[in-house]
Amino acid sequence: MPQTPHIEHHFTASDTIRDIIIGMSDGLTVPFALAAGLSGAAASTAVVVTAGLAEIAAGSISMGLGGYLAARNDADHYESERRREQQEVVEMPQAEKREVKEIFLGYGLTDEASAQITEAIAKKPEAWVDFMMRFELALEKPEPSRALRSALTIAVSYAVGGFIPLTPYIIFSSIPTAQIVSVIATLIALVIFGYIKGRFTGTNPVRSALQTMLVGGLAAATAFAIAKLIS
């Protein structure tokens, strides 16, 4: 009797996808709110463009640097923990064996089976350390180029997102016209980005699209209202 193949659907987005989401999310929202706020008080689009470009540059650098430091911290933390585990399997092997055995017992294996597997793992020190890193500490080895790639990906994504709300102010000299086009373009971009983000993260795409649009729109509306009240 033919059987329908079992297909599992899991979130498999890479670190690069996560970095793009981080950069684009802030890149669409922050410059959008800034442009909307300035358009409520600025006398010309040149002011909005100048401030917007400065913000995109500063935001890209800041976000990129933050991504770099976060990735470097993950790498340093992994190496530090690995050195500690390497030292422990040499200096206190019995204690480490007990920890390995407890892990297998936690998965429902019998005491005898857990002991046999533990002894087999202990015969290979590097594999032993790898096992402890993954199953005791839940740490995966970071890629060597992860920090720099993360910084560049986040920075570029932020800049790309930031130019969407700012471009109408570069094209149009009239603030009201530029503002309307900016709002429409950015809200559409937020909906599209939110939908794609939902697909990659495994959440409901429509709900993700609406949430992303509402957050960005609320931030821009708040900035605009504050600028109007101050001016």
N, C-alpha and C. Protein backbone atom coordinates (compact mmCIF):
# COMPACT_ATOMS: atom_id res chain seq x y z
N MET A 1 0.85 -1.20 0.00
CA MET A 1 0.00 0.00 0.00
C MET A 1 0.89 1.24 0.00
N PRO A 2 0.74 2.12 -0.98
CA PRO A 2 1.61 3.30 -1.05
C PRO A 2 1.41 4.23 0.15
N GLN A 3 2.49 4.77 0.61
CA GLN A 3 2.45 5.68 1.75
C GLN A 3 2.90 7.07 1.34
N THR A 4 2.26 8.06 1.91
CA THR A 4 2.66 9.44 1.64
C THR A 4 3.95 9.75 2.39
N PRO A 5 4.98 10.20 1.69
CA PRO A 5 6.25 10.49 2.38
C PRO A 5 6.08 11.57 3.44
N HIS A 6 6.75 11.35 4.56
CA HIS A 6 6.67 12.31 5.66
C HIS A 6 7.66 13.45 5.42
N ILE A 7 7.14 14.64 5.36
CA ILE A 7 7.99 15.82 5.13
C ILE A 7 7.90 16.73 6.34
N GLU A 8 9.04 17.00 6.97
CA GLU A 8 9.06 17.86 8.13
C GLU A 8 9.40 19.29 7.72
N HIS A 9 8.69 20.23 8.32
CA HIS A 9 8.92 21.64 8.03
C HIS A 9 9.48 22.31 9.28
N HIS A 10 10.71 22.72 9.20
CA HIS A 10 11.35 23.39 10.33
C HIS A 10 11.96 24.70 9.87
N PHE A 11 12.17 25.59 10.83
CA PHE A 11 12.83 26.85 10.52
C PHE A 11 14.31 26.60 10.29
N THR A 12 14.78 26.85 9.08
CA THR A 12 16.18 26.56 8.75
C THR A 12 16.91 27.80 8.23
N ALA A 13 16.38 28.97 8.54
CA ALA A 13 17.02 30.19 8.07
C ALA A 13 18.43 30.30 8.64
N SER A 14 19.36 30.71 7.81
CA SER A 14 20.74 30.81 8.23
C SER A 14 20.96 32.08 9.05
N ASP A 15 22.18 32.18 9.61
CA ASP A 15 22.53 33.38 10.37
C ASP A 15 22.47 34.62 9.48
N THR A 16 22.79 34.45 8.19
CA THR A 16 22.74 35.59 7.27
C THR A 16 21.32 36.12 7.13
N ILE A 17 20.34 35.22 7.04
CA ILE A 17 18.95 35.64 6.96
C ILE A 17 18.56 36.40 8.22
N ARG A 18 18.99 35.92 9.36
CA ARG A 18 18.69 36.60 10.63
C ARG A 18 19.29 37.99 10.64
N ASP A 19 20.51 38.12 10.13
CA ASP A 19 21.16 39.43 10.09
C ASP A 19 20.41 40.39 9.16
N ILE A 20 19.95 39.88 8.03
CA ILE A 20 19.18 40.71 7.10
C ILE A 20 17.89 41.19 7.77
N ILE A 21 17.24 40.31 8.49
CA ILE A 21 16.01 40.68 9.20
C ILE A 21 16.28 41.76 10.23
N ILE A 22 17.37 41.62 10.98
CA ILE A 22 17.72 42.61 12.00
C ILE A 22 17.99 43.96 11.35
N GLY A 23 18.81 43.97 10.29
CA GLY A 23 19.16 45.22 9.64
C GLY A 23 17.99 45.89 8.95
N MET A 24 17.23 45.12 8.18
CA MET A 24 16.09 45.69 7.45
C MET A 24 15.00 46.18 8.39
N SER A 25 14.77 45.45 9.46
CA SER A 25 13.73 45.84 10.41
C SER A 25 13.97 47.23 10.98
N ASP A 26 15.19 47.48 11.45
CA ASP A 26 15.52 48.80 11.99
C ASP A 26 15.69 49.82 10.87
N GLY A 27 16.25 49.37 9.74
CA GLY A 27 16.49 50.29 8.63
C GLY A 27 15.21 50.87 8.05
N LEU A 28 14.16 50.07 8.03
CA LEU A 28 12.88 50.57 7.53
C LEU A 28 12.18 51.48 8.55
N THR A 29 12.30 51.13 9.82
CA THR A 29 11.53 51.82 10.86
C THR A 29 12.15 53.14 11.32
N VAL A 30 13.44 53.12 11.67
CA VAL A 30 14.07 54.31 12.26
C VAL A 30 14.16 55.48 11.27
N PRO A 31 14.73 55.32 10.07
CA PRO A 31 14.75 56.44 9.12
C PRO A 31 13.35 56.90 8.71
N PHE A 32 12.41 55.96 8.65
CA PHE A 32 11.02 56.31 8.33
C PHE A 32 10.45 57.25 9.39
N ALA A 33 10.67 56.89 10.65
CA ALA A 33 10.18 57.74 11.74
C ALA A 33 10.89 59.09 11.74
N LEU A 34 12.19 59.08 11.47
CA LEU A 34 12.95 60.34 11.44
C LEU A 34 12.46 61.24 10.31
N ALA A 35 12.31 60.68 9.12
CA ALA A 35 11.85 61.48 7.97
C ALA A 35 10.46 62.03 8.21
N ALA A 36 9.59 61.21 8.78
CA ALA A 36 8.23 61.67 9.06
C ALA A 36 8.23 62.78 10.10
N GLY A 37 9.07 62.61 11.12
CA GLY A 37 9.15 63.63 12.16
C GLY A 37 9.70 64.95 11.64
N LEU A 38 10.76 64.88 10.83
CA LEU A 38 11.37 66.09 10.29
C LEU A 38 10.45 66.78 9.29
N SER A 39 9.68 65.98 8.55
CA SER A 39 8.79 66.59 7.55
C SER A 39 7.68 67.40 8.22
N GLY A 40 7.47 67.16 9.49
CA GLY A 40 6.47 67.92 10.21
C GLY A 40 6.99 69.25 10.70
N ALA A 41 8.30 69.47 10.62
CA ALA A 41 8.87 70.72 11.12
C ALA A 41 9.86 71.36 10.16
N ALA A 42 10.42 70.57 9.20
CA ALA A 42 11.44 71.09 8.30
C ALA A 42 10.84 72.03 7.25
N ALA A 43 11.66 72.97 6.80
CA ALA A 43 11.21 73.93 5.80
C ALA A 43 11.41 73.42 4.38
N SER A 44 12.30 72.46 4.20
CA SER A 44 12.57 71.94 2.85
C SER A 44 12.97 70.48 2.92
N THR A 45 12.87 69.81 1.78
CA THR A 45 13.24 68.40 1.73
C THR A 45 14.75 68.21 1.91
N ALA A 46 15.52 69.26 1.61
CA ALA A 46 16.98 69.17 1.76
C ALA A 46 17.36 68.86 3.20
N VAL A 47 16.62 69.46 4.14
CA VAL A 47 16.89 69.23 5.56
C VAL A 47 16.62 67.77 5.91
N VAL A 48 15.49 67.26 5.40
CA VAL A 48 15.13 65.88 5.67
C VAL A 48 16.16 64.92 5.07
N VAL A 49 16.58 65.19 3.84
CA VAL A 49 17.55 64.34 3.16
C VAL A 49 18.89 64.34 3.89
N THR A 50 19.35 65.53 4.27
CA THR A 50 20.64 65.63 4.98
C THR A 50 20.62 64.86 6.29
N ALA A 51 19.56 65.09 7.07
CA ALA A 51 19.45 64.39 8.35
C ALA A 51 19.26 62.89 8.14
N GLY A 52 18.49 62.54 7.11
CA GLY A 52 18.24 61.13 6.83
C GLY A 52 19.50 60.38 6.43
N LEU A 53 20.32 61.02 5.56
CA LEU A 53 21.57 60.39 5.15
C LEU A 53 22.52 60.23 6.33
N ALA A 54 22.56 61.24 7.18
CA ALA A 54 23.42 61.16 8.37
C ALA A 54 22.96 60.02 9.28
N GLU A 55 21.65 59.88 9.43
CA GLU A 55 21.12 58.83 10.29
C GLU A 55 21.39 57.46 9.71
N ILE A 56 21.22 57.31 8.40
CA ILE A 56 21.48 56.02 7.76
C ILE A 56 22.94 55.63 7.92
N ALA A 57 23.84 56.60 7.72
CA ALA A 57 25.27 56.32 7.88
C ALA A 57 25.59 55.91 9.32
N ALA A 58 25.09 56.70 10.27
CA ALA A 58 25.36 56.41 11.68
C ALA A 58 24.70 55.10 12.10
N GLY A 59 23.46 54.88 11.66
CA GLY A 59 22.75 53.66 12.01
C GLY A 59 23.40 52.42 11.44
N SER A 60 23.85 52.51 10.19
CA SER A 60 24.51 51.36 9.56
C SER A 60 25.79 51.00 10.31
N ILE A 61 26.57 52.01 10.64
CA ILE A 61 27.83 51.76 11.36
C ILE A 61 27.55 51.19 12.74
N SER A 62 26.60 51.79 13.44
CA SER A 62 26.27 51.34 14.78
C SER A 62 25.73 49.91 14.79
N MET A 63 24.79 49.62 13.89
CA MET A 63 24.21 48.29 13.82
C MET A 63 25.24 47.25 13.38
N GLY A 64 26.06 47.64 12.38
CA GLY A 64 27.10 46.73 11.92
C GLY A 64 28.11 46.41 13.00
N LEU A 65 28.52 47.45 13.74
CA LEU A 65 29.47 47.25 14.82
C LEU A 65 28.86 46.38 15.92
N GLY A 66 27.58 46.61 16.19
CA GLY A 66 26.90 45.79 17.19
C GLY A 66 26.86 44.33 16.78
N GLY A 67 26.58 44.08 15.50
CA GLY A 67 26.57 42.71 14.99
C GLY A 67 27.94 42.06 15.07
N TYR A 68 28.98 42.86 14.75
CA TYR A 68 30.35 42.34 14.80
C TYR A 68 30.73 41.94 16.23
N LEU A 69 30.46 42.84 17.18
CA LEU A 69 30.82 42.59 18.57
C LEU A 69 30.04 41.41 19.14
N ALA A 70 28.77 41.28 18.75
CA ALA A 70 27.96 40.17 19.23
C ALA A 70 28.51 38.84 18.72
N ALA A 71 28.87 38.81 17.43
CA ALA A 71 29.41 37.58 16.84
C ALA A 71 30.78 37.24 17.44
N ARG A 72 31.61 38.27 17.67
CA ARG A 72 32.92 38.04 18.27
C ARG A 72 32.77 37.53 19.70
N ASN A 73 31.80 38.07 20.41
CA ASN A 73 31.55 37.63 21.78
C ASN A 73 31.12 36.17 21.81
N ASP A 74 30.28 35.76 20.84
CA ASP A 74 29.87 34.36 20.75
C ASP A 74 31.07 33.46 20.49
N ALA A 75 31.96 33.90 19.59
CA ALA A 75 33.15 33.10 19.27
C ALA A 75 34.08 33.00 20.46
N ASP A 76 34.30 34.12 21.14
CA ASP A 76 35.19 34.12 22.31
C ASP A 76 34.62 33.26 23.43
N HIS A 77 33.30 33.35 23.61
CA HIS A 77 32.65 32.54 24.65
C HIS A 77 32.78 31.05 24.34
N TYR A 78 32.60 30.69 23.07
CA TYR A 78 32.71 29.29 22.67
C TYR A 78 34.13 28.77 22.94
N GLU A 79 35.13 29.53 22.53
CA GLU A 79 36.52 29.10 22.71
C GLU A 79 36.88 28.99 24.19
N SER A 80 36.39 29.92 24.99
CA SER A 80 36.65 29.88 26.43
C SER A 80 36.04 28.64 27.07
N GLU A 81 34.80 28.34 26.71
CA GLU A 81 34.13 27.16 27.27
C GLU A 81 34.78 25.87 26.77
N ARG A 82 35.24 25.88 25.53
CA ARG A 82 35.88 24.67 24.99
C ARG A 82 37.20 24.40 25.71
N ARG A 83 37.98 25.45 25.98
CA ARG A 83 39.24 25.26 26.71
C ARG A 83 38.96 24.70 28.11
N ARG A 84 37.88 25.19 28.73
CA ARG A 84 37.53 24.70 30.07
C ARG A 84 37.15 23.23 30.01
N GLU A 85 36.36 22.84 29.01
CA GLU A 85 35.97 21.44 28.88
C GLU A 85 37.18 20.55 28.59
N GLN A 86 38.10 21.03 27.75
CA GLN A 86 39.31 20.25 27.45
C GLN A 86 40.13 20.01 28.71
N GLN A 87 40.17 21.02 29.56
CA GLN A 87 40.91 20.90 30.82
C GLN A 87 40.20 19.93 31.77
N GLU A 88 38.90 19.98 31.80
CA GLU A 88 38.14 19.15 32.73
C GLU A 88 38.19 17.67 32.38
N VAL A 89 38.17 17.33 31.07
CA VAL A 89 38.21 15.91 30.70
C VAL A 89 39.57 15.30 31.03
N VAL A 90 40.58 16.15 31.18
CA VAL A 90 41.91 15.66 31.54
C VAL A 90 42.07 15.59 33.06
N GLU A 91 41.63 16.66 33.75
CA GLU A 91 41.86 16.77 35.19
C GLU A 91 40.79 16.07 36.04
N MET A 92 39.57 15.95 35.55
CA MET A 92 38.50 15.30 36.31
C MET A 92 37.63 14.44 35.40
N PRO A 93 38.24 13.41 34.79
CA PRO A 93 37.52 12.59 33.82
C PRO A 93 36.30 11.86 34.40
N GLN A 94 36.39 11.42 35.66
CA GLN A 94 35.27 10.69 36.25
C GLN A 94 34.03 11.58 36.40
N ALA A 95 34.26 12.82 36.80
CA ALA A 95 33.14 13.75 36.94
C ALA A 95 32.51 14.04 35.58
N GLU A 96 33.35 14.18 34.56
CA GLU A 96 32.84 14.44 33.22
C GLU A 96 32.09 13.23 32.66
N LYS A 97 32.59 12.03 33.00
CA LYS A 97 31.89 10.82 32.56
C LYS A 97 30.50 10.75 33.18
N ARG A 98 30.42 11.12 34.47
CA ARG A 98 29.11 11.11 35.13
C ARG A 98 28.14 12.07 34.44
N GLU A 99 28.66 13.21 34.00
CA GLU A 99 27.81 14.18 33.31
C GLU A 99 27.32 13.62 31.97
N VAL A 100 28.21 12.94 31.25
CA VAL A 100 27.82 12.33 29.98
C VAL A 100 26.75 11.26 30.21
N LYS A 101 26.98 10.45 31.22
CA LYS A 101 26.04 9.37 31.53
C LYS A 101 24.67 9.94 31.91
N GLU A 102 24.65 11.01 32.67
CA GLU A 102 23.39 11.63 33.07
C GLU A 102 22.62 12.17 31.87
N ILE A 103 23.37 12.65 30.88
CA ILE A 103 22.71 13.14 29.66
C ILE A 103 21.97 12.01 28.96
N PHE A 104 22.63 10.85 28.83
CA PHE A 104 21.99 9.71 28.17
C PHE A 104 20.84 9.16 29.00
N LEU A 105 21.01 9.16 30.31
CA LEU A 105 19.92 8.70 31.17
C LEU A 105 18.71 9.61 31.02
N GLY A 106 18.98 10.90 30.80
CA GLY A 106 17.89 11.86 30.61
C GLY A 106 17.12 11.60 29.33
N TYR A 107 17.76 10.93 28.37
CA TYR A 107 17.08 10.58 27.13
C TYR A 107 16.36 9.22 27.23
N GLY A 108 16.39 8.60 28.41
CA GLY A 108 15.65 7.36 28.62
C GLY A 108 16.44 6.10 28.42
N LEU A 109 17.77 6.18 28.20
CA LEU A 109 18.58 4.99 28.04
C LEU A 109 18.77 4.31 29.40
N THR A 110 19.02 3.02 29.37
CA THR A 110 19.24 2.29 30.62
C THR A 110 20.60 2.66 31.20
N ASP A 111 20.78 2.31 32.47
CA ASP A 111 22.04 2.62 33.13
C ASP A 111 23.21 1.91 32.45
N GLU A 112 22.98 0.65 32.06
CA GLU A 112 24.04 -0.13 31.41
C GLU A 112 24.40 0.45 30.04
N ALA A 113 23.38 0.76 29.25
CA ALA A 113 23.64 1.32 27.93
C ALA A 113 24.32 2.68 28.02
N SER A 114 23.89 3.51 28.95
CA SER A 114 24.50 4.83 29.14
C SER A 114 25.96 4.71 29.51
N ALA A 115 26.27 3.74 30.38
CA ALA A 115 27.65 3.54 30.82
C ALA A 115 28.53 3.09 29.66
N GLN A 116 28.01 2.20 28.81
CA GLN A 116 28.79 1.70 27.68
C GLN A 116 29.07 2.80 26.67
N ILE A 117 28.05 3.59 26.36
CA ILE A 117 28.24 4.69 25.40
C ILE A 117 29.19 5.73 25.96
N THR A 118 29.08 5.99 27.26
CA THR A 118 29.96 6.97 27.89
C THR A 118 31.42 6.55 27.79
N GLU A 119 31.69 5.29 28.05
CA GLU A 119 33.06 4.79 27.96
C GLU A 119 33.59 4.87 26.54
N ALA A 120 32.73 4.60 25.57
CA ALA A 120 33.14 4.68 24.16
C ALA A 120 33.48 6.12 23.78
N ILE A 121 32.69 7.06 24.23
CA ILE A 121 32.95 8.48 23.93
C ILE A 121 34.23 8.94 24.60
N ALA A 122 34.47 8.48 25.83
CA ALA A 122 35.64 8.91 26.60
C ALA A 122 36.95 8.47 25.98
N LYS A 123 36.91 7.50 25.09
CA LYS A 123 38.13 7.03 24.44
C LYS A 123 38.61 8.00 23.36
N LYS A 124 37.76 8.95 22.97
CA LYS A 124 38.12 9.93 21.95
C LYS A 124 37.98 11.33 22.55
N PRO A 125 39.06 11.89 23.10
CA PRO A 125 38.99 13.16 23.83
C PRO A 125 38.34 14.31 23.06
N GLU A 126 38.68 14.48 21.78
CA GLU A 126 38.12 15.60 21.03
C GLU A 126 36.62 15.41 20.79
N ALA A 127 36.24 14.18 20.47
CA ALA A 127 34.82 13.89 20.30
C ALA A 127 34.09 14.06 21.63
N TRP A 128 34.77 13.73 22.72
CA TRP A 128 34.20 13.88 24.05
C TRP A 128 33.91 15.36 24.33
N VAL A 129 34.90 16.18 24.03
CA VAL A 129 34.74 17.62 24.24
C VAL A 129 33.63 18.17 23.34
N ASP A 130 33.61 17.72 22.09
CA ASP A 130 32.55 18.16 21.16
C ASP A 130 31.17 17.80 21.71
N PHE A 131 31.06 16.60 22.25
CA PHE A 131 29.79 16.15 22.82
C PHE A 131 29.36 17.04 23.98
N MET A 132 30.30 17.36 24.86
CA MET A 132 29.98 18.19 26.02
C MET A 132 29.60 19.60 25.60
N MET A 133 30.28 20.12 24.60
CA MET A 133 29.97 21.46 24.13
C MET A 133 28.54 21.54 23.59
N ARG A 134 28.14 20.49 22.89
CA ARG A 134 26.83 20.52 22.25
C ARG A 134 25.69 20.12 23.18
N PHE A 135 25.89 19.05 23.95
CA PHE A 135 24.78 18.51 24.72
C PHE A 135 24.75 18.98 26.18
N GLU A 136 25.90 19.37 26.73
CA GLU A 136 25.89 19.91 28.09
C GLU A 136 25.69 21.42 28.07
N LEU A 137 26.44 22.10 27.19
CA LEU A 137 26.41 23.56 27.17
C LEU A 137 25.53 24.13 26.05
N ALA A 138 25.08 23.28 25.13
CA ALA A 138 24.23 23.72 24.01
C ALA A 138 24.91 24.82 23.19
N LEU A 139 26.20 24.64 22.90
CA LEU A 139 26.96 25.62 22.14
C LEU A 139 27.43 25.00 20.82
N GLU A 140 27.21 25.73 19.73
CA GLU A 140 27.69 25.31 18.41
C GLU A 140 28.90 26.17 18.03
N LYS A 141 29.86 25.57 17.36
CA LYS A 141 31.06 26.32 16.97
C LYS A 141 30.72 27.37 15.91
N PRO A 142 31.03 28.65 16.19
CA PRO A 142 30.74 29.72 15.21
C PRO A 142 31.69 29.62 14.02
N GLU A 143 31.22 30.07 12.87
CA GLU A 143 32.08 30.11 11.69
C GLU A 143 33.15 31.19 11.88
N PRO A 144 34.38 30.95 11.40
CA PRO A 144 35.47 31.92 11.59
C PRO A 144 35.18 33.30 11.03
N SER A 145 34.49 33.36 9.88
CA SER A 145 34.22 34.65 9.23
C SER A 145 32.88 35.24 9.63
N ARG A 146 32.24 34.65 10.63
CA ARG A 146 30.89 35.05 11.02
C ARG A 146 30.82 36.52 11.44
N ALA A 147 31.78 37.00 12.22
CA ALA A 147 31.71 38.35 12.78
C ALA A 147 31.70 39.42 11.68
N LEU A 148 32.66 39.33 10.76
CA LEU A 148 32.76 40.33 9.69
C LEU A 148 31.56 40.25 8.75
N ARG A 149 31.17 39.03 8.40
CA ARG A 149 30.02 38.87 7.51
C ARG A 149 28.74 39.39 8.15
N SER A 150 28.60 39.16 9.43
CA SER A 150 27.42 39.64 10.15
C SER A 150 27.38 41.16 10.16
N ALA A 151 28.53 41.78 10.41
CA ALA A 151 28.60 43.25 10.45
C ALA A 151 28.22 43.85 9.11
N LEU A 152 28.77 43.31 8.03
CA LEU A 152 28.50 43.84 6.70
C LEU A 152 27.04 43.61 6.29
N THR A 153 26.52 42.44 6.60
CA THR A 153 25.15 42.12 6.22
C THR A 153 24.15 43.03 6.92
N ILE A 154 24.34 43.22 8.22
CA ILE A 154 23.43 44.08 8.99
C ILE A 154 23.54 45.53 8.52
N ALA A 155 24.77 46.01 8.30
CA ALA A 155 24.97 47.39 7.88
C ALA A 155 24.34 47.66 6.51
N VAL A 156 24.58 46.77 5.56
CA VAL A 156 24.02 46.96 4.22
C VAL A 156 22.50 46.86 4.25
N SER A 157 21.97 45.91 5.00
CA SER A 157 20.52 45.74 5.10
C SER A 157 19.87 46.98 5.71
N TYR A 158 20.53 47.55 6.70
CA TYR A 158 20.01 48.77 7.34
C TYR A 158 19.97 49.91 6.32
N ALA A 159 21.05 50.06 5.56
CA ALA A 159 21.12 51.14 4.58
C ALA A 159 20.07 50.97 3.48
N VAL A 160 19.89 49.74 3.00
CA VAL A 160 18.89 49.47 1.98
C VAL A 160 17.49 49.81 2.50
N GLY A 161 17.21 49.37 3.71
CA GLY A 161 15.92 49.68 4.30
C GLY A 161 15.73 51.17 4.52
N GLY A 162 16.79 51.85 4.93
CA GLY A 162 16.70 53.28 5.22
C GLY A 162 16.45 54.15 4.01
N PHE A 163 16.93 53.71 2.86
CA PHE A 163 16.76 54.53 1.64
C PHE A 163 15.34 54.46 1.09
N ILE A 164 14.57 53.48 1.49
CA ILE A 164 13.19 53.37 0.99
C ILE A 164 12.34 54.57 1.44
N PRO A 165 12.31 54.92 2.73
CA PRO A 165 11.53 56.10 3.12
C PRO A 165 12.19 57.42 2.75
N LEU A 166 13.51 57.41 2.53
CA LEU A 166 14.22 58.66 2.27
C LEU A 166 14.21 59.04 0.78
N THR A 167 14.16 58.08 -0.10
CA THR A 167 14.25 58.34 -1.53
C THR A 167 13.21 59.35 -2.05
N PRO A 168 11.94 59.29 -1.62
CA PRO A 168 10.97 60.29 -2.10
C PRO A 168 11.38 61.73 -1.78
N TYR A 169 12.07 61.95 -0.67
CA TYR A 169 12.51 63.29 -0.32
C TYR A 169 13.68 63.74 -1.21
N ILE A 170 14.39 62.76 -1.78
CA ILE A 170 15.46 63.07 -2.73
C ILE A 170 14.87 63.40 -4.10
N ILE A 171 13.81 62.72 -4.47
CA ILE A 171 13.20 62.89 -5.79
C ILE A 171 12.31 64.12 -5.86
N PHE A 172 11.47 64.31 -4.85
CA PHE A 172 10.49 65.41 -4.86
C PHE A 172 10.96 66.58 -3.99
N SER A 173 10.73 67.80 -4.49
CA SER A 173 11.12 68.99 -3.74
C SER A 173 10.03 69.46 -2.78
N SER A 174 8.80 69.00 -3.01
CA SER A 174 7.68 69.37 -2.14
C SER A 174 7.59 68.40 -0.97
N ILE A 175 7.63 68.93 0.25
CA ILE A 175 7.57 68.09 1.43
C ILE A 175 6.26 67.29 1.51
N PRO A 176 5.09 67.91 1.30
CA PRO A 176 3.84 67.11 1.36
C PRO A 176 3.82 65.96 0.37
N THR A 177 4.29 66.22 -0.86
CA THR A 177 4.31 65.16 -1.87
C THR A 177 5.28 64.05 -1.48
N ALA A 178 6.47 64.47 -1.07
CA ALA A 178 7.49 63.50 -0.67
C ALA A 178 7.02 62.68 0.54
N GLN A 179 6.34 63.34 1.46
CA GLN A 179 5.86 62.65 2.65
C GLN A 179 4.82 61.58 2.30
N ILE A 180 3.88 61.93 1.43
CA ILE A 180 2.84 60.97 1.03
C ILE A 180 3.46 59.76 0.33
N VAL A 181 4.36 60.04 -0.61
CA VAL A 181 5.01 58.94 -1.35
C VAL A 181 5.85 58.09 -0.41
N SER A 182 6.54 58.74 0.52
CA SER A 182 7.38 58.03 1.48
C SER A 182 6.55 57.11 2.36
N VAL A 183 5.43 57.62 2.84
CA VAL A 183 4.55 56.81 3.69
C VAL A 183 4.02 55.60 2.92
N ILE A 184 3.54 55.82 1.71
CA ILE A 184 2.99 54.72 0.91
C ILE A 184 4.07 53.68 0.60
N ALA A 185 5.23 54.16 0.14
CA ALA A 185 6.32 53.24 -0.24
C ALA A 185 6.81 52.44 0.96
N THR A 186 6.94 53.13 2.10
CA THR A 186 7.48 52.45 3.27
C THR A 186 6.49 51.46 3.86
N LEU A 187 5.21 51.83 3.89
CA LEU A 187 4.21 50.89 4.41
C LEU A 187 4.12 49.65 3.54
N ILE A 188 4.21 49.83 2.23
CA ILE A 188 4.22 48.68 1.32
C ILE A 188 5.45 47.81 1.58
N ALA A 189 6.61 48.48 1.75
CA ALA A 189 7.85 47.75 2.02
C ALA A 189 7.77 47.01 3.35
N LEU A 190 7.16 47.64 4.36
CA LEU A 190 7.01 46.99 5.67
C LEU A 190 6.12 45.76 5.59
N VAL A 191 5.05 45.87 4.79
CA VAL A 191 4.16 44.72 4.62
C VAL A 191 4.90 43.57 3.93
N ILE A 192 5.60 43.90 2.84
CA ILE A 192 6.35 42.87 2.11
C ILE A 192 7.43 42.25 2.98
N PHE A 193 8.18 43.11 3.68
CA PHE A 193 9.25 42.62 4.54
C PHE A 193 8.69 41.77 5.67
N GLY A 194 7.61 42.23 6.28
CA GLY A 194 7.00 41.47 7.37
C GLY A 194 6.51 40.11 6.90
N TYR A 195 5.94 40.06 5.70
CA TYR A 195 5.45 38.80 5.15
C TYR A 195 6.61 37.83 4.91
N ILE A 196 7.67 38.34 4.29
CA ILE A 196 8.85 37.50 4.03
C ILE A 196 9.48 37.04 5.34
N LYS A 197 9.55 37.95 6.30
CA LYS A 197 10.11 37.59 7.60
C LYS A 197 9.31 36.48 8.25
N GLY A 198 7.98 36.57 8.13
CA GLY A 198 7.13 35.52 8.69
C GLY A 198 7.37 34.17 8.04
N ARG A 199 7.58 34.17 6.72
CA ARG A 199 7.85 32.92 6.00
C ARG A 199 9.16 32.29 6.47
N PHE A 200 10.18 33.13 6.68
CA PHE A 200 11.48 32.61 7.09
C PHE A 200 11.50 32.16 8.54
N THR A 201 10.79 32.86 9.40
CA THR A 201 10.81 32.53 10.83
C THR A 201 9.78 31.50 11.23
N GLY A 202 8.92 31.11 10.28
CA GLY A 202 7.95 30.08 10.58
C GLY A 202 6.68 30.58 11.25
N THR A 203 6.52 31.90 11.39
CA THR A 203 5.30 32.45 11.98
C THR A 203 4.29 32.74 10.87
N ASN A 204 3.08 33.11 11.26
CA ASN A 204 2.05 33.41 10.27
C ASN A 204 2.47 34.62 9.45
N PRO A 205 2.68 34.48 8.13
CA PRO A 205 3.18 35.59 7.31
C PRO A 205 2.27 36.82 7.31
N VAL A 206 0.96 36.59 7.26
CA VAL A 206 0.03 37.71 7.23
C VAL A 206 0.08 38.49 8.54
N ARG A 207 0.08 37.77 9.64
CA ARG A 207 0.16 38.43 10.95
C ARG A 207 1.47 39.17 11.10
N SER A 208 2.58 38.55 10.65
CA SER A 208 3.88 39.20 10.71
C SER A 208 3.90 40.47 9.88
N ALA A 209 3.27 40.43 8.70
CA ALA A 209 3.21 41.60 7.81
C ALA A 209 2.46 42.74 8.47
N LEU A 210 1.30 42.43 9.07
CA LEU A 210 0.49 43.46 9.72
C LEU A 210 1.19 44.04 10.94
N GLN A 211 1.84 43.18 11.74
CA GLN A 211 2.55 43.65 12.92
C GLN A 211 3.70 44.57 12.54
N THR A 212 4.45 44.19 11.52
CA THR A 212 5.58 45.00 11.07
C THR A 212 5.12 46.35 10.56
N MET A 213 4.03 46.34 9.79
CA MET A 213 3.49 47.60 9.26
C MET A 213 2.98 48.50 10.39
N LEU A 214 2.29 47.92 11.36
CA LEU A 214 1.74 48.71 12.47
C LEU A 214 2.83 49.33 13.33
N VAL A 215 3.89 48.55 13.60
CA VAL A 215 4.99 49.07 14.41
C VAL A 215 5.68 50.23 13.70
N GLY A 216 6.00 50.04 12.42
CA GLY A 216 6.65 51.10 11.65
C GLY A 216 5.77 52.32 11.50
N GLY A 217 4.49 52.09 11.21
CA GLY A 217 3.56 53.21 11.06
C GLY A 217 3.36 53.97 12.35
N LEU A 218 3.26 53.25 13.46
CA LEU A 218 3.08 53.90 14.76
C LEU A 218 4.30 54.75 15.13
N ALA A 219 5.50 54.22 14.85
CA ALA A 219 6.72 54.97 15.16
C ALA A 219 6.78 56.26 14.35
N ALA A 220 6.44 56.18 13.06
CA ALA A 220 6.48 57.36 12.19
C ALA A 220 5.41 58.37 12.62
N ALA A 221 4.20 57.89 12.92
CA ALA A 221 3.12 58.78 13.34
C ALA A 221 3.46 59.50 14.64
N THR A 222 4.07 58.79 15.56
CA THR A 222 4.47 59.40 16.84
C THR A 222 5.52 60.48 16.63
N ALA A 223 6.53 60.18 15.80
CA ALA A 223 7.58 61.16 15.52
C ALA A 223 7.02 62.40 14.84
N PHE A 224 6.11 62.19 13.90
CA PHE A 224 5.49 63.29 13.19
C PHE A 224 4.67 64.17 14.14
N ALA A 225 3.90 63.55 15.02
CA ALA A 225 3.06 64.29 15.97
C ALA A 225 3.91 65.09 16.94
N ILE A 226 5.01 64.52 17.41
CA ILE A 226 5.90 65.24 18.33
C ILE A 226 6.53 66.43 17.66
N ALA A 227 6.97 66.24 16.39
CA ALA A 227 7.59 67.34 15.66
C ALA A 227 6.57 68.47 15.44
N LYS A 228 5.34 68.11 15.14
CA LYS A 228 4.30 69.11 14.94
C LYS A 228 4.03 69.89 16.22
N LEU A 229 3.98 69.20 17.34
CA LEU A 229 3.72 69.87 18.60
C LEU A 229 4.86 70.82 18.99
N ILE A 230 6.08 70.38 18.74
CA ILE A 230 7.25 71.22 19.07
C ILE A 230 7.32 72.43 18.18
N SER A 231 7.03 72.23 16.87
CA SER A 231 7.14 73.35 15.93
C SER A 231 5.96 74.32 16.08
